[in-house]
PDB file of N, CA and C in Angstrom:
ATOM      1  N   UNK A   1     -23.719 -15.295 -51.001  1.00  0.00           N
ATOM      2  CA  UNK A   1     -23.508 -14.045 -50.425  1.00  0.00           C
ATOM      3  C   UNK A   1     -24.053 -13.823 -49.016  1.00  0.00           C
ATOM      4  N   UNK A   2     -25.149 -14.561 -48.797  1.00  0.00           N
ATOM      5  CA  UNK A   2     -25.782 -14.521 -47.459  1.00  0.00           C
ATOM      6  C   UNK A   2     -24.823 -15.144 -46.413  1.00  0.00           C
ATOM      7  N   UNK A   3     -24.075 -16.154 -46.802  1.00  0.00           N
ATOM      8  CA  UNK A   3     -23.159 -16.864 -45.889  1.00  0.00           C
ATOM      9  C   UNK A   3     -22.009 -15.913 -45.483  1.00  0.00           C
ATOM     10  N   UNK A   4     -21.556 -15.039 -46.467  1.00  0.00           N
ATOM     11  CA  UNK A   4     -20.458 -14.120 -46.189  1.00  0.00           C
ATOM     12  C   UNK A   4     -20.944 -12.997 -45.287  1.00  0.00           C
ATOM     13  N   UNK A   5     -22.230 -12.525 -45.388  1.00  0.00           N
ATOM     14  CA  UNK A   5     -22.827 -11.548 -44.504  1.00  0.00           C
ATOM     15  C   UNK A   5     -22.962 -12.177 -42.993  1.00  0.00           C
ATOM     16  N   UNK A   6     -23.408 -13.449 -42.920  1.00  0.00           N
ATOM     17  CA  UNK A   6     -23.507 -14.072 -41.592  1.00  0.00           C
ATOM     18  C   UNK A   6     -22.128 -14.206 -40.897  1.00  0.00           C
ATOM     19  N   UNK A   7     -21.109 -14.563 -41.733  1.00  0.00           N
ATOM     20  CA  UNK A   7     -19.734 -14.574 -41.215  1.00  0.00           C
ATOM     21  C   UNK A   7     -19.291 -13.175 -40.678  1.00  0.00           C
ATOM     22  N   UNK A   8     -19.540 -12.272 -41.479  1.00  0.00           N
ATOM     23  CA  UNK A   8     -19.223 -10.915 -41.129  1.00  0.00           C
ATOM     24  C   UNK A   8     -19.782 -10.429 -39.893  1.00  0.00           C
ATOM     25  N   UNK A   9     -21.181 -10.637 -39.685  1.00  0.00           N
ATOM     26  CA  UNK A   9     -21.781 -10.279 -38.542  1.00  0.00           C
ATOM     27  C   UNK A   9     -21.277 -11.060 -37.347  1.00  0.00           C
ATOM     28  N   UNK A  10     -21.001 -12.369 -37.545  1.00  0.00           N
ATOM     29  CA  UNK A  10     -20.442 -13.122 -36.413  1.00  0.00           C
ATOM     30  C   UNK A  10     -19.011 -12.663 -36.093  1.00  0.00           C
ATOM     31  N   UNK A  11     -18.329 -12.199 -36.991  1.00  0.00           N
ATOM     32  CA  UNK A  11     -16.906 -11.701 -36.782  1.00  0.00           C
ATOM     33  C   UNK A  11     -17.071 -10.369 -35.931  1.00  0.00           C
ATOM     34  N   UNK A  12     -17.948  -9.403 -36.364  1.00  0.00           N
ATOM     35  CA  UNK A  12     -18.059  -8.227 -35.680  1.00  0.00           C
ATOM     36  C   UNK A  12     -18.589  -8.412 -34.245  1.00  0.00           C
ATOM     37  N   UNK A  13     -19.382  -9.379 -34.113  1.00  0.00           N
ATOM     38  CA  UNK A  13     -19.925  -9.657 -32.759  1.00  0.00           C
ATOM     39  C   UNK A  13     -18.864 -10.208 -31.821  1.00  0.00           C
ATOM     40  N   UNK A  14     -17.962 -11.000 -32.493  1.00  0.00           N
ATOM     41  CA  UNK A  14     -16.939 -11.698 -31.820  1.00  0.00           C
ATOM     42  C   UNK A  14     -15.870 -10.515 -31.392  1.00  0.00           C
ATOM     43  N   UNK A  15     -15.680  -9.681 -32.376  1.00  0.00           N
ATOM     44  CA  UNK A  15     -14.768  -8.473 -32.108  1.00  0.00           C
ATOM     45  C   UNK A  15     -15.291  -7.621 -30.975  1.00  0.00           C
ATOM     46  N   UNK A  16     -16.602  -7.411 -30.895  1.00  0.00           N
ATOM     47  CA  UNK A  16     -17.129  -6.504 -29.881  1.00  0.00           C
ATOM     48  C   UNK A  16     -16.951  -7.282 -28.488  1.00  0.00           C
ATOM     49  N   UNK A  17     -17.277  -8.522 -28.450  1.00  0.00           N
ATOM     50  CA  UNK A  17     -17.271  -9.270 -27.298  1.00  0.00           C
ATOM     51  C   UNK A  17     -15.629  -9.313 -26.680  1.00  0.00           C
ATOM     52  N   UNK A  18     -14.787  -9.477 -27.611  1.00  0.00           N
ATOM     53  CA  UNK A  18     -13.349  -9.328 -27.190  1.00  0.00           C
ATOM     54  C   UNK A  18     -13.024  -7.903 -26.640  1.00  0.00           C
ATOM     55  N   UNK A  19     -13.453  -6.902 -27.353  1.00  0.00           N
ATOM     56  CA  UNK A  19     -13.089  -5.558 -26.871  1.00  0.00           C
ATOM     57  C   UNK A  19     -13.775  -5.320 -25.332  1.00  0.00           C
ATOM     58  N   UNK A  20     -15.022  -5.876 -25.295  1.00  0.00           N
ATOM     59  CA  UNK A  20     -15.674  -5.644 -24.001  1.00  0.00           C
ATOM     60  C   UNK A  20     -14.868  -6.370 -22.883  1.00  0.00           C
ATOM     61  N   UNK A  21     -14.435  -7.590 -23.121  1.00  0.00           N
ATOM     62  CA  UNK A  21     -13.686  -8.303 -22.124  1.00  0.00           C
ATOM     63  C   UNK A  21     -12.316  -7.596 -21.899  1.00  0.00           C
ATOM     64  N   UNK A  22     -11.594  -7.265 -22.943  1.00  0.00           N
ATOM     65  CA  UNK A  22     -10.348  -6.521 -22.691  1.00  0.00           C
ATOM     66  C   UNK A  22     -10.520  -5.240 -22.019  1.00  0.00           C
ATOM     67  N   UNK A  23     -11.618  -4.429 -22.322  1.00  0.00           N
ATOM     68  CA  UNK A  23     -11.761  -3.271 -21.438  1.00  0.00           C
ATOM     69  C   UNK A  23     -12.040  -3.562 -20.118  1.00  0.00           C
ATOM     70  N   UNK A  24     -12.791  -4.599 -19.827  1.00  0.00           N
ATOM     71  CA  UNK A  24     -13.046  -4.976 -18.356  1.00  0.00           C
ATOM     72  C   UNK A  24     -11.756  -5.386 -17.660  1.00  0.00           C
ATOM     73  N   UNK A  25     -10.942  -6.152 -18.317  1.00  0.00           N
ATOM     74  CA  UNK A  25      -9.611  -6.533 -17.800  1.00  0.00           C
ATOM     75  C   UNK A  25      -8.665  -5.350 -17.493  1.00  0.00           C
ATOM     76  N   UNK A  26      -8.618  -4.438 -18.554  1.00  0.00           N
ATOM     77  CA  UNK A  26      -7.818  -3.327 -18.474  1.00  0.00           C
ATOM     78  C   UNK A  26      -8.229  -2.404 -17.270  1.00  0.00           C
ATOM     79  N   UNK A  27      -9.495  -2.345 -17.104  1.00  0.00           N
ATOM     80  CA  UNK A  27     -10.069  -1.460 -15.993  1.00  0.00           C
ATOM     81  C   UNK A  27      -9.743  -2.078 -14.664  1.00  0.00           C
ATOM     82  N   UNK A  28      -9.882  -3.369 -14.583  1.00  0.00           N
ATOM     83  CA  UNK A  28      -9.614  -4.061 -13.266  1.00  0.00           C
ATOM     84  C   UNK A  28      -8.089  -3.928 -12.972  1.00  0.00           C
ATOM     85  N   UNK A  29      -7.259  -4.068 -14.016  1.00  0.00           N
ATOM     86  CA  UNK A  29      -5.786  -3.806 -13.850  1.00  0.00           C
ATOM     87  C   UNK A  29      -5.507  -2.404 -13.263  1.00  0.00           C
ATOM     88  N   UNK A  30      -6.013  -1.387 -13.772  1.00  0.00           N
ATOM     89  CA  UNK A  30      -5.991  -0.029 -13.490  1.00  0.00           C
ATOM     90  C   UNK A  30      -6.342   0.112 -11.988  1.00  0.00           C
ATOM     91  N   UNK A  31      -7.530  -0.308 -11.645  1.00  0.00           N
ATOM     92  CA  UNK A  31      -8.063  -0.317 -10.361  1.00  0.00           C
ATOM     93  C   UNK A  31      -7.145  -0.995  -9.388  1.00  0.00           C
ATOM     94  N   UNK A  32      -6.682  -2.160  -9.775  1.00  0.00           N
ATOM     95  CA  UNK A  32      -5.804  -2.948  -8.754  1.00  0.00           C
ATOM     96  C   UNK A  32      -4.505  -2.243  -8.536  1.00  0.00           C
ATOM     97  N   UNK A  33      -3.986  -1.694  -9.613  1.00  0.00           N
ATOM     98  CA  UNK A  33      -2.763  -0.955  -9.522  1.00  0.00           C
ATOM     99  C   UNK A  33      -2.855   0.394  -8.584  1.00  0.00           C
ATOM    100  N   UNK A  34      -4.018   1.033  -8.826  1.00  0.00           N
ATOM    101  CA  UNK A  34      -4.351   2.136  -7.948  1.00  0.00           C
ATOM    102  C   UNK A  34      -4.517   1.768  -6.408  1.00  0.00           C
ATOM    103  N   UNK A  35      -5.206   0.642  -6.189  1.00  0.00           N
ATOM    104  CA  UNK A  35      -5.326   0.208  -4.787  1.00  0.00           C
ATOM    105  C   UNK A  35      -3.944  -0.202  -4.133  1.00  0.00           C
ATOM    106  N   UNK A  36      -3.187  -0.911  -5.009  1.00  0.00           N
ATOM    107  CA  UNK A  36      -1.785  -1.333  -4.629  1.00  0.00           C
ATOM    108  C   UNK A  36      -0.925  -0.072  -4.176  1.00  0.00           C
ATOM    109  N   UNK A  37      -0.956   0.965  -5.146  1.00  0.00           N
ATOM    110  CA  UNK A  37      -0.193   2.204  -4.803  1.00  0.00           C
ATOM    111  C   UNK A  37      -0.728   2.942  -3.527  1.00  0.00           C
ATOM    112  N   UNK A  38      -1.969   2.980  -3.300  1.00  0.00           N
ATOM    113  CA  UNK A  38      -2.434   3.548  -2.214  1.00  0.00           C
ATOM    114  C   UNK A  38      -2.072   2.880  -0.979  1.00  0.00           C
ATOM    115  N   UNK A  39      -2.159   1.504  -0.882  1.00  0.00           N
ATOM    116  CA  UNK A  39      -1.751   0.752   0.274  1.00  0.00           C
ATOM    117  C   UNK A  39      -0.250   0.927   0.460  1.00  0.00           C
ATOM    118  N   UNK A  40       0.488   0.894  -0.634  1.00  0.00           N
ATOM    119  CA  UNK A  40       2.046   1.115  -0.451  1.00  0.00           C
ATOM    120  C   UNK A  40       2.322   2.347   0.170  1.00  0.00           C
ATOM    121  N   UNK A  41       1.630   3.428  -0.302  1.00  0.00           N
ATOM    122  CA  UNK A  41       1.955   4.862   0.344  1.00  0.00           C
ATOM    123  C   UNK A  41       1.600   4.768   1.757  1.00  0.00           C
ATOM    124  N   UNK A  42       0.429   4.170   2.194  1.00  0.00           N
ATOM    125  CA  UNK A  42       0.007   4.147   3.568  1.00  0.00           C
ATOM    126  C   UNK A  42       0.921   3.398   4.383  1.00  0.00           C
ATOM    127  N   UNK A  43       1.435   2.242   3.831  1.00  0.00           N
ATOM    128  CA  UNK A  43       2.358   1.446   4.714  1.00  0.00           C
ATOM    129  C   UNK A  43       3.759   2.241   4.774  1.00  0.00           C
ATOM    130  N   UNK A  44       4.088   2.870   3.631  1.00  0.00           N
ATOM    131  CA  UNK A  44       5.355   3.595   3.723  1.00  0.00           C
ATOM    132  C   UNK A  44       5.301   4.753   4.690  1.00  0.00           C
ATOM    133  N   UNK A  45       4.213   5.482   4.729  1.00  0.00           N
ATOM    134  CA  UNK A  45       4.017   6.596   5.800  1.00  0.00           C
ATOM    135  C   UNK A  45       4.117   6.070   7.214  1.00  0.00           C
ATOM    136  N   UNK A  46       3.336   4.936   7.468  1.00  0.00           N
ATOM    137  CA  UNK A  46       3.410   4.265   8.773  1.00  0.00           C
ATOM    138  C   UNK A  46       4.801   3.976   9.274  1.00  0.00           C
ATOM    139  N   UNK A  47       5.494   3.290   8.259  1.00  0.00           N
ATOM    140  CA  UNK A  47       6.834   2.938   8.562  1.00  0.00           C
ATOM    141  C   UNK A  47       7.770   4.055   8.836  1.00  0.00           C
ATOM    142  N   UNK A  48       7.576   5.048   8.126  1.00  0.00           N
ATOM    143  CA  UNK A  48       8.381   6.311   8.243  1.00  0.00           C
ATOM    144  C   UNK A  48       8.108   6.927   9.562  1.00  0.00           C
ATOM    145  N   UNK A  49       6.815   6.969   9.960  1.00  0.00           N
ATOM    146  CA  UNK A  49       6.527   7.514  11.301  1.00  0.00           C
ATOM    147  C   UNK A  49       7.049   6.763  12.402  1.00  0.00           C
ATOM    148  N   UNK A  50       6.982   5.546  12.237  1.00  0.00           N
ATOM    149  CA  UNK A  50       7.514   4.591  13.317  1.00  0.00           C
ATOM    150  C   UNK A  50       9.079   4.831  13.433  1.00  0.00           C
ATOM    151  N   UNK A  51       9.794   4.906  12.271  1.00  0.00           N
ATOM    152  CA  UNK A  51      11.188   5.147  12.390  1.00  0.00           C
ATOM    153  C   UNK A  51      11.574   6.430  13.000  1.00  0.00           C
ATOM    154  N   UNK A  52      10.781   7.443  12.640  1.00  0.00           N
ATOM    155  CA  UNK A  52      10.921   8.720  13.298  1.00  0.00           C
ATOM    156  C   UNK A  52      10.753   8.720  14.861  1.00  0.00           C
ATOM    157  N   UNK A  53       9.650   8.006  15.184  1.00  0.00           N
ATOM    158  CA  UNK A  53       9.391   7.927  16.668  1.00  0.00           C
ATOM    159  C   UNK A  53      10.635   7.109  17.327  1.00  0.00           C
ATOM    160  N   UNK A  54      11.210   6.048  16.730  1.00  0.00           N
ATOM    161  CA  UNK A  54      12.381   5.392  17.246  1.00  0.00           C
ATOM    162  C   UNK A  54      13.435   6.360  17.439  1.00  0.00           C
ATOM    163  N   UNK A  55      13.711   7.093  16.415  1.00  0.00           N
ATOM    164  CA  UNK A  55      14.800   8.053  16.389  1.00  0.00           C
ATOM    165  C   UNK A  55      14.641   9.097  17.454  1.00  0.00           C
ATOM    166  N   UNK A  56      13.498   9.578  17.651  1.00  0.00           N
ATOM    167  CA  UNK A  56      13.194  10.612  18.755  1.00  0.00           C
ATOM    168  C   UNK A  56      13.428   9.951  20.041  1.00  0.00           C
ATOM    169  N   UNK A  57      12.852   8.739  20.226  1.00  0.00           N
ATOM    170  CA  UNK A  57      13.003   8.018  21.589  1.00  0.00           C
ATOM    171  C   UNK A  57      14.465   7.708  21.956  1.00  0.00           C
ATOM    172  N   UNK A  58      15.282   7.466  20.859  1.00  0.00           N
ATOM    173  CA  UNK A  58      16.739   7.169  21.149  1.00  0.00           C
ATOM    174  C   UNK A  58      17.374   8.485  21.764  1.00  0.00           C
ATOM    175  N   UNK A  59      17.036   9.665  21.218  1.00  0.00           N
ATOM    176  CA  UNK A  59      17.651  10.961  21.603  1.00  0.00           C
ATOM    177  C   UNK A  59      16.963  11.237  22.995  1.00  0.00           C
ATOM    178  N   UNK A  60      15.750  10.912  23.265  1.00  0.00           N
ATOM    179  CA  UNK A  60      15.165  11.187  24.534  1.00  0.00           C
ATOM    180  C   UNK A  60      15.879  10.351  25.611  1.00  0.00           C
ATOM    181  N   UNK A  61      16.087   8.921  25.269  1.00  0.00           N
ATOM    182  CA  UNK A  61      16.808   8.158  26.204  1.00  0.00           C
ATOM    183  C   UNK A  61      18.265   8.572  26.479  1.00  0.00           C
ATOM    184  N   UNK A  62      18.875   9.141  25.411  1.00  0.00           N
ATOM    185  CA  UNK A  62      20.232   9.649  25.538  1.00  0.00           C
ATOM    186  C   UNK A  62      20.323  10.809  26.547  1.00  0.00           C
ATOM    187  N   UNK A  63      19.251  11.570  26.541  1.00  0.00           N
ATOM    188  CA  UNK A  63      19.158  12.715  27.476  1.00  0.00           C
ATOM    189  C   UNK A  63      18.640  12.344  28.756  1.00  0.00           C
ATOM    190  N   UNK A  64      18.369  11.093  29.137  1.00  0.00           N
ATOM    191  CA  UNK A  64      17.931  10.559  30.378  1.00  0.00           C
ATOM    192  C   UNK A  64      16.590  10.687  30.766  1.00  0.00           C
ATOM    193  N   UNK A  65      15.709  10.863  29.768  1.00  0.00           N
ATOM    194  CA  UNK A  65      14.287  10.951  30.061  1.00  0.00           C
ATOM    195  C   UNK A  65      13.683   9.631  30.524  1.00  0.00           C
ATOM    196  N   UNK A  66      12.682   9.619  31.414  1.00  0.00           N
ATOM    197  CA  UNK A  66      12.120   8.281  31.751  1.00  0.00           C
ATOM    198  C   UNK A  66      11.310   7.731  30.688  1.00  0.00           C
ATOM    199  N   UNK A  67      11.164   6.307  30.830  1.00  0.00           N
ATOM    200  CA  UNK A  67      10.559   5.600  29.798  1.00  0.00           C
ATOM    201  C   UNK A  67       9.038   5.893  29.641  1.00  0.00           C
ATOM    202  N   UNK A  68       8.287   6.249  30.717  1.00  0.00           N
ATOM    203  CA  UNK A  68       6.988   6.491  30.718  1.00  0.00           C
ATOM    204  C   UNK A  68       6.672   7.699  29.747  1.00  0.00           C
ATOM    205  N   UNK A  69       7.466   8.745  30.000  1.00  0.00           N
ATOM    206  CA  UNK A  69       7.390   9.932  29.173  1.00  0.00           C
ATOM    207  C   UNK A  69       7.645   9.686  27.783  1.00  0.00           C
ATOM    208  N   UNK A  70       8.791   8.914  27.573  1.00  0.00           N
ATOM    209  CA  UNK A  70       9.084   8.619  26.132  1.00  0.00           C
ATOM    210  C   UNK A  70       7.796   7.788  25.416  1.00  0.00           C
ATOM    211  N   UNK A  71       7.312   6.800  26.109  1.00  0.00           N
ATOM    212  CA  UNK A  71       6.173   6.166  25.498  1.00  0.00           C
ATOM    213  C   UNK A  71       5.005   7.000  25.325  1.00  0.00           C
ATOM    214  N   UNK A  72       4.795   7.945  26.280  1.00  0.00           N
ATOM    215  CA  UNK A  72       3.580   8.883  26.151  1.00  0.00           C
ATOM    216  C   UNK A  72       3.905   9.808  24.927  1.00  0.00           C
ATOM    217  N   UNK A  73       5.065  10.295  24.638  1.00  0.00           N
ATOM    218  CA  UNK A  73       5.341  11.350  23.693  1.00  0.00           C
ATOM    219  C   UNK A  73       5.516  10.753  22.263  1.00  0.00           C
ATOM    220  N   UNK A  74       6.061   9.406  22.242  1.00  0.00           N
ATOM    221  CA  UNK A  74       6.238   8.862  20.907  1.00  0.00           C
ATOM    222  C   UNK A  74       5.233   7.864  20.391  1.00  0.00           C
ATOM    223  N   UNK A  75       4.484   7.259  21.394  1.00  0.00           N
ATOM    224  CA  UNK A  75       3.487   6.235  21.074  1.00  0.00           C
ATOM    225  C   UNK A  75       4.224   4.904  21.072  1.00  0.00           C
ATOM    226  N   UNK A  76       5.333   4.855  21.403  1.00  0.00           N
ATOM    227  CA  UNK A  76       6.110   3.391  21.336  1.00  0.00           C
ATOM    228  C   UNK A  76       5.512   2.545  22.513  1.00  0.00           C
ATOM    229  N   UNK A  77       5.703   1.295  22.290  1.00  0.00           N
ATOM    230  CA  UNK A  77       5.225   0.282  23.268  1.00  0.00           C
ATOM    231  C   UNK A  77       6.334   0.012  24.363  1.00  0.00           C
ATOM    232  N   UNK A  78       6.015  -0.561  25.342  1.00  0.00           N
ATOM    233  CA  UNK A  78       6.975  -0.832  26.462  1.00  0.00           C
ATOM    234  C   UNK A  78       8.087  -1.709  25.799  1.00  0.00           C
ATOM    235  N   UNK A  79       7.850  -2.609  25.046  1.00  0.00           N
ATOM    236  CA  UNK A  79       8.803  -3.506  24.377  1.00  0.00           C
ATOM    237  C   UNK A  79       9.799  -2.713  23.536  1.00  0.00           C
ATOM    238  N   UNK A  80       9.164  -1.866  22.715  1.00  0.00           N
ATOM    239  CA  UNK A  80       9.986  -1.063  21.838  1.00  0.00           C
ATOM    240  C   UNK A  80      10.965  -0.214  22.574  1.00  0.00           C
ATOM    241  N   UNK A  81      10.513   0.416  23.630  1.00  0.00           N
ATOM    242  CA  UNK A  81      11.259   1.476  24.503  1.00  0.00           C
ATOM    243  C   UNK A  81      12.407   0.503  25.172  1.00  0.00           C
ATOM    244  N   UNK A  82      12.041  -0.654  25.707  1.00  0.00           N
ATOM    245  CA  UNK A  82      13.086  -1.477  26.428  1.00  0.00           C
ATOM    246  C   UNK A  82      14.157  -1.941  25.464  1.00  0.00           C
ATOM    247  N   UNK A  83      13.705  -2.285  24.174  1.00  0.00           N
ATOM    248  CA  UNK A  83      14.670  -2.696  23.188  1.00  0.00           C
ATOM    249  C   UNK A  83      15.646  -1.490  22.867  1.00  0.00           C
ATOM    250  N   UNK A  84      15.083  -0.282  22.784  1.00  0.00           N
ATOM    251  CA  UNK A  84      15.945   0.829  22.487  1.00  0.00           C
ATOM    252  C   UNK A  84      16.977   1.080  23.572  1.00  0.00           C
ATOM    253  N   UNK A  85      16.505   0.972  24.747  1.00  0.00           N
ATOM    254  CA  UNK A  85      17.369   1.092  25.937  1.00  0.00           C
ATOM    255  C   UNK A  85      18.495   0.134  26.004  1.00  0.00           C
ATOM    256  N   UNK A  86      18.141  -1.122  25.645  1.00  0.00           N
ATOM    257  CA  UNK A  86      19.079  -2.203  25.627  1.00  0.00           C
ATOM    258  C   UNK A  86      20.130  -2.041  24.628  1.00  0.00           C
ATOM    259  N   UNK A  87      19.727  -1.337  23.403  1.00  0.00           N
ATOM    260  CA  UNK A  87      20.782  -1.065  22.308  1.00  0.00           C
ATOM    261  C   UNK A  87      21.733  -0.063  22.769  1.00  0.00           C
ATOM    262  N   UNK A  88      21.452   0.782  23.858  1.00  0.00           N
ATOM    263  CA  UNK A  88      22.227   1.869  24.143  1.00  0.00           C
ATOM    264  C   UNK A  88      23.419   1.397  25.082  1.00  0.00           C
TER     265      UNK A  88
END
């Protein structure tokens, strides 16, 4: 009888340890997913803003605005502005 009780106690302790580890892993997964989603949203916003700046710069170039004004208003670099001008 004592051996059965010892096995039961050992089994329960093992079960608790497993649950603790599983909860830790599940929490880490949730946090990792949350961090990844946040980073993805930030990168998507930045990319969207850059694409919008390029679109606006194209329109400004088409209207004959000077490169310095375009760079000042859109935040684009000299290289990006020259690349857009070469595409036209």
